């Protein structure tokens, strides 16, 4: 929860910032065609993508910040 909750809050902030500039109805796929999704679908998918990316970054920070004792705690002698 130390990673997921802040990631959730920041995903909400990032979504507000991105969609204050980007119109979800004007988004196009990689082929150049309009997505054709509803605004709600675009907001939902974008929120979960933002949340996932921020959560992975937070998790990696936690892992990389661990001490050698924490990392090797379960290692066999």
C-alpha atoms as a PDB file:
ATOM      1  CA  UNK A   1       0.000   0.000   0.000  1.00  0.00           C
ATOM      2  CA  UNK A   2       2.990   2.293   0.486  1.00  0.00           C
ATOM      3  CA  UNK A   3       3.433   2.200  -3.290  1.00  0.00           C
ATOM      4  CA  UNK A   4      -0.114   1.676  -4.603  1.00  0.00           C
ATOM      5  CA  UNK A   5      -1.891   4.473  -2.743  1.00  0.00           C
ATOM      6  CA  UNK A   6       0.491   7.311  -3.762  1.00  0.00           C
ATOM      7  CA  UNK A   7       0.520   5.875  -7.301  1.00  0.00           C
ATOM      8  CA  UNK A   8      -3.301   5.977  -7.329  1.00  0.00           C
ATOM      9  CA  UNK A   9      -3.352   9.610  -6.221  1.00  0.00           C
ATOM     10  CA  UNK A  10      -0.707  10.680  -8.733  1.00  0.00           C
ATOM     11  CA  UNK A  11      -2.453   8.790 -11.553  1.00  0.00           C
ATOM     12  CA  UNK A  12      -5.524  10.914 -10.842  1.00  0.00           C
ATOM     13  CA  UNK A  13      -3.453  14.092 -10.945  1.00  0.00           C
ATOM     14  CA  UNK A  14      -1.694  13.017 -14.142  1.00  0.00           C
ATOM     15  CA  UNK A  15      -5.029  12.187 -15.757  1.00  0.00           C
ATOM     16  CA  UNK A  16      -6.369  15.660 -14.948  1.00  0.00           C
ATOM     17  CA  UNK A  17      -3.252  17.289 -16.392  1.00  0.00           C
ATOM     18  CA  UNK A  18      -3.175  15.189 -19.571  1.00  0.00           C
ATOM     19  CA  UNK A  19      -6.869  15.458 -20.357  1.00  0.00           C
ATOM     20  CA  UNK A  20      -6.979  19.187 -19.697  1.00  0.00           C
ATOM     21  CA  UNK A  21      -4.834  19.415 -22.853  1.00  0.00           C
ATOM     22  CA  UNK A  22      -5.860  16.320 -24.869  1.00  0.00           C
ATOM     23  CA  UNK A  23      -9.344  15.685 -26.241  1.00  0.00           C
ATOM     24  CA  UNK A  24     -10.074  11.945 -25.926  1.00  0.00           C
ATOM     25  CA  UNK A  25     -12.268  12.022 -29.041  1.00  0.00           C
ATOM     26  CA  UNK A  26      -9.315  13.213 -31.143  1.00  0.00           C
ATOM     27  CA  UNK A  27      -7.015  10.291 -30.263  1.00  0.00           C
ATOM     28  CA  UNK A  28      -5.777   8.042 -33.056  1.00  0.00           C
ATOM     29  CA  UNK A  29      -4.306   4.550 -32.986  1.00  0.00           C
ATOM     30  CA  UNK A  30      -0.964   3.521 -34.420  1.00  0.00           C
ATOM     31  CA  UNK A  31      -2.533   2.997 -37.853  1.00  0.00           C
ATOM     32  CA  UNK A  32      -3.711   6.599 -37.974  1.00  0.00           C
ATOM     33  CA  UNK A  33      -7.398   5.728 -37.572  1.00  0.00           C
ATOM     34  CA  UNK A  34      -9.546   7.266 -34.858  1.00  0.00           C
ATOM     35  CA  UNK A  35      -9.937   5.004 -31.822  1.00  0.00           C
ATOM     36  CA  UNK A  36     -13.694   5.267 -31.790  1.00  0.00           C
ATOM     37  CA  UNK A  37     -13.851   4.759 -28.015  1.00  0.00           C
ATOM     38  CA  UNK A  38     -16.130   6.717 -25.732  1.00  0.00           C
ATOM     39  CA  UNK A  39     -14.552   9.420 -23.602  1.00  0.00           C
ATOM     40  CA  UNK A  40     -15.215   7.353 -20.488  1.00  0.00           C
ATOM     41  CA  UNK A  41     -13.358   4.365 -21.960  1.00  0.00           C
ATOM     42  CA  UNK A  42     -10.355   6.522 -22.848  1.00  0.00           C
ATOM     43  CA  UNK A  43     -10.305   8.076 -19.359  1.00  0.00           C
ATOM     44  CA  UNK A  44     -10.544   4.650 -17.708  1.00  0.00           C
ATOM     45  CA  UNK A  45      -7.835   2.966 -19.774  1.00  0.00           C
ATOM     46  CA  UNK A  46      -5.525   5.965 -19.432  1.00  0.00           C
ATOM     47  CA  UNK A  47      -6.024   6.039 -15.651  1.00  0.00           C
ATOM     48  CA  UNK A  48      -5.081   2.370 -15.272  1.00  0.00           C
ATOM     49  CA  UNK A  49      -2.063   2.780 -17.551  1.00  0.00           C
ATOM     50  CA  UNK A  50      -0.893   5.824 -15.567  1.00  0.00           C
ATOM     51  CA  UNK A  51      -1.501   3.992 -12.280  1.00  0.00           C
ATOM     52  CA  UNK A  52       0.401   0.930 -13.458  1.00  0.00           C
ATOM     53  CA  UNK A  53       3.411   2.865 -14.706  1.00  0.00           C
ATOM     54  CA  UNK A  54       3.661   4.952 -11.541  1.00  0.00           C
ATOM     55  CA  UNK A  55       3.205   1.864  -9.331  1.00  0.00           C
ATOM     56  CA  UNK A  56       5.983   0.001 -11.161  1.00  0.00           C
ATOM     57  CA  UNK A  57       8.274   3.006 -10.745  1.00  0.00           C
ATOM     58  CA  UNK A  58       7.467   3.148  -7.018  1.00  0.00           C
ATOM     59  CA  UNK A  59       8.010  -0.595  -6.616  1.00  0.00           C
ATOM     60  CA  UNK A  60      11.374  -0.405  -8.363  1.00  0.00           C
ATOM     61  CA  UNK A  61      12.353   2.448  -6.065  1.00  0.00           C
ATOM     62  CA  UNK A  62      11.452   0.313  -3.036  1.00  0.00           C
ATOM     63  CA  UNK A  63      13.454  -2.634  -4.378  1.00  0.00           C
ATOM     64  CA  UNK A  64      16.495  -0.564  -5.271  1.00  0.00           C
ATOM     65  CA  UNK A  65      16.403   1.220  -1.901  1.00  0.00           C
ATOM     66  CA  UNK A  66      16.535  -2.051   0.066  1.00  0.00           C
ATOM     67  CA  UNK A  67      19.674  -2.719   2.085  1.00  0.00           C
ATOM     68  CA  UNK A  68      21.861  -5.764   1.487  1.00  0.00           C
ATOM     69  CA  UNK A  69      20.518  -7.338   4.683  1.00  0.00           C
ATOM     70  CA  UNK A  70      16.934  -6.958   3.483  1.00  0.00           C
ATOM     71  CA  UNK A  71      17.756  -8.423   0.080  1.00  0.00           C
ATOM     72  CA  UNK A  72      19.718 -11.371   1.488  1.00  0.00           C
ATOM     73  CA  UNK A  73      17.410 -12.047   4.451  1.00  0.00           C
ATOM     74  CA  UNK A  74      15.966 -15.187   2.868  1.00  0.00           C
ATOM     75  CA  UNK A  75      19.235 -16.425   1.319  1.00  0.00           C
ATOM     76  CA  UNK A  76      20.601 -19.822   2.388  1.00  0.00           C
ATOM     77  CA  UNK A  77      24.094 -19.829   4.007  1.00  0.00           C
END
